[in-house]
Protein backbone atom coordinates (compact mmCIF):
# COMPACT_ATOMS: atom_id res chain seq x y z
CA MET A 1 -7.80 42.15 -12.14
CA SER A 2 -7.84 42.06 -15.93
CA VAL A 3 -7.56 38.93 -18.04
CA GLU A 4 -4.31 40.27 -19.55
CA LYS A 5 -2.80 40.73 -16.08
CA HIS A 6 -3.73 37.15 -15.12
CA LEU A 7 -2.29 35.88 -18.39
CA LYS A 8 0.99 37.74 -17.78
CA GLU A 9 1.24 36.32 -14.26
CA PHE A 10 0.64 32.82 -15.59
CA LEU A 11 3.27 33.26 -18.32
CA ILE A 12 5.79 34.67 -15.84
CA HIS A 13 5.25 31.64 -13.59
CA GLN A 14 5.79 29.27 -16.53
CA ILE A 15 8.92 31.13 -17.67
CA LYS A 16 10.37 31.02 -14.15
CA GLN A 17 9.83 27.27 -13.96
CA LYS A 18 11.36 26.63 -17.37
CA LEU A 19 14.45 28.80 -16.88
CA SER A 20 15.13 27.61 -13.34
CA LYS A 21 15.92 24.21 -14.83
CA ILE A 22 18.90 25.72 -16.67
CA GLN A 23 20.23 27.77 -13.74
CA GLN A 24 18.65 31.05 -14.78
CA GLU A 25 16.64 33.31 -12.52
CA ILE A 26 13.84 35.67 -13.49
CA GLN A 27 13.13 38.98 -11.78
CA GLN A 28 10.10 41.12 -12.48
CA ILE A 29 10.85 44.74 -13.33
CA GLU A 30 8.87 47.33 -11.41
CA ASN A 31 8.43 49.74 -14.32
CA PRO A 32 7.97 47.69 -17.48
CA PRO A 33 8.65 47.40 -20.33
CA PRO A 34 10.37 45.03 -20.38
CA ASP A 35 8.57 42.85 -17.87
CA LEU A 36 11.38 40.51 -16.84
CA LYS A 37 15.11 40.46 -16.33
CA ILE A 38 16.98 37.16 -16.88
CA LEU A 39 19.93 36.51 -14.59
CA SER A 40 22.48 33.74 -14.50
CA TYR A 41 24.52 33.53 -11.32
CA GLY A 42 23.52 37.13 -10.52
CA ILE A 43 24.55 38.58 -13.89
CA VAL A 44 21.93 40.09 -16.21
CA ILE A 45 21.96 38.14 -19.47
CA GLY A 46 18.80 39.49 -21.08
CA TYR A 47 15.28 40.79 -20.86
CA ILE A 48 11.84 39.43 -21.72
CA ASP A 49 8.92 41.64 -22.66
CA ILE A 50 5.48 40.03 -22.66
CA VAL A 51 3.25 41.98 -25.02
CA THR A 52 -0.11 41.96 -26.67
CA GLU A 53 -0.91 43.73 -29.90
CA LYS A 54 -2.69 46.47 -27.91
CA GLU A 55 0.49 47.20 -25.94
CA ILE A 56 2.74 47.91 -28.92
CA SER A 57 3.40 51.64 -28.99
CA SER A 58 6.10 54.01 -30.14
CA GLU A 59 7.19 54.47 -26.49
CA ARG A 60 7.58 50.73 -26.02
CA ILE A 61 9.53 50.37 -29.26
CA ALA A 62 11.80 53.22 -28.15
CA LYS A 63 12.53 51.33 -24.91
CA TRP A 64 13.31 48.19 -26.91
CA LYS A 65 15.72 50.15 -29.12
CA ASP A 66 17.40 51.64 -26.05
CA LEU A 67 17.90 48.19 -24.46
CA ILE A 68 19.32 46.78 -27.68
CA SER A 69 21.64 49.76 -28.20
CA GLN A 70 23.17 49.06 -24.78
CA GLY A 71 24.08 45.55 -25.92
CA ASN A 72 21.27 43.77 -24.07
CA LYS A 73 19.53 40.68 -25.39
CA LEU A 74 15.78 41.17 -25.75
CA THR A 75 13.15 38.48 -26.19
CA ILE A 76 9.59 39.48 -26.98
CA LEU A 77 6.95 36.99 -25.91
CA ILE A 78 3.74 37.30 -27.88
CA SER A 79 0.69 35.23 -28.75
CA LYS A 80 1.26 32.87 -31.66
CA ASP A 81 -1.57 34.62 -33.53
CA GLU A 82 0.21 37.98 -33.28
CA LYS A 83 3.70 36.82 -34.25
CA LEU A 84 3.48 37.98 -37.87
CA LYS A 85 2.24 41.44 -36.85
CA ILE A 86 5.10 41.98 -34.40
CA MET A 87 7.65 40.78 -36.95
CA GLU A 88 6.34 43.31 -39.48
CA THR A 89 6.62 46.07 -36.86
CA LEU A 90 10.16 45.05 -35.89
CA TRP A 91 11.27 45.02 -39.56
CA LYS A 92 9.76 48.49 -40.11
CA GLU A 93 11.65 49.73 -37.03
CA GLY A 94 14.92 48.16 -38.20
CA ILE A 95 15.40 45.94 -35.14
CA ALA A 96 14.02 42.57 -36.26
CA GLU A 97 17.45 40.95 -36.55
CA LYS A 98 18.40 42.11 -33.03
CA VAL A 99 15.34 40.79 -31.17
CA SER A 100 14.31 37.22 -30.38
CA ILE A 101 10.65 36.33 -30.69
CA ALA A 102 9.03 33.71 -28.48
CA ASN A 103 5.39 32.86 -28.72
CA TYR A 104 2.77 31.11 -26.68
CA GLU A 105 -0.47 29.38 -27.45
CA ILE A 106 -3.14 28.39 -25.01
CA ASN A 107 -5.27 25.40 -25.92
CA LEU A 108 -8.31 24.31 -24.02
CA PHE A 109 -9.60 20.81 -24.62
CA LEU A 110 -13.02 19.92 -23.28
CA PRO A 111 -14.70 16.51 -23.41
């Protein structure tokens, strides 16, 4: 199993824990992107796509545009170090104002 796959599983676990506190449920999507569907009381209220810089492609951007055009809320979760790059891409594609960006950072402290 790749490091990226383990990282995604870890992030999905953390997202599920965080959103369960506010009565929201997360379901993984079988054919990503996006990776996750957010539900509140059984109603889809948005999507989360966990991406790395390597995964950004014209096909993925087309799927984002399709989701947005249908009135869906989309949050892209990306490494803090890659946030500027994704923002530049979203502005070039004309969808920056319609997408929420969330970022993560992993810190390891050793004695």
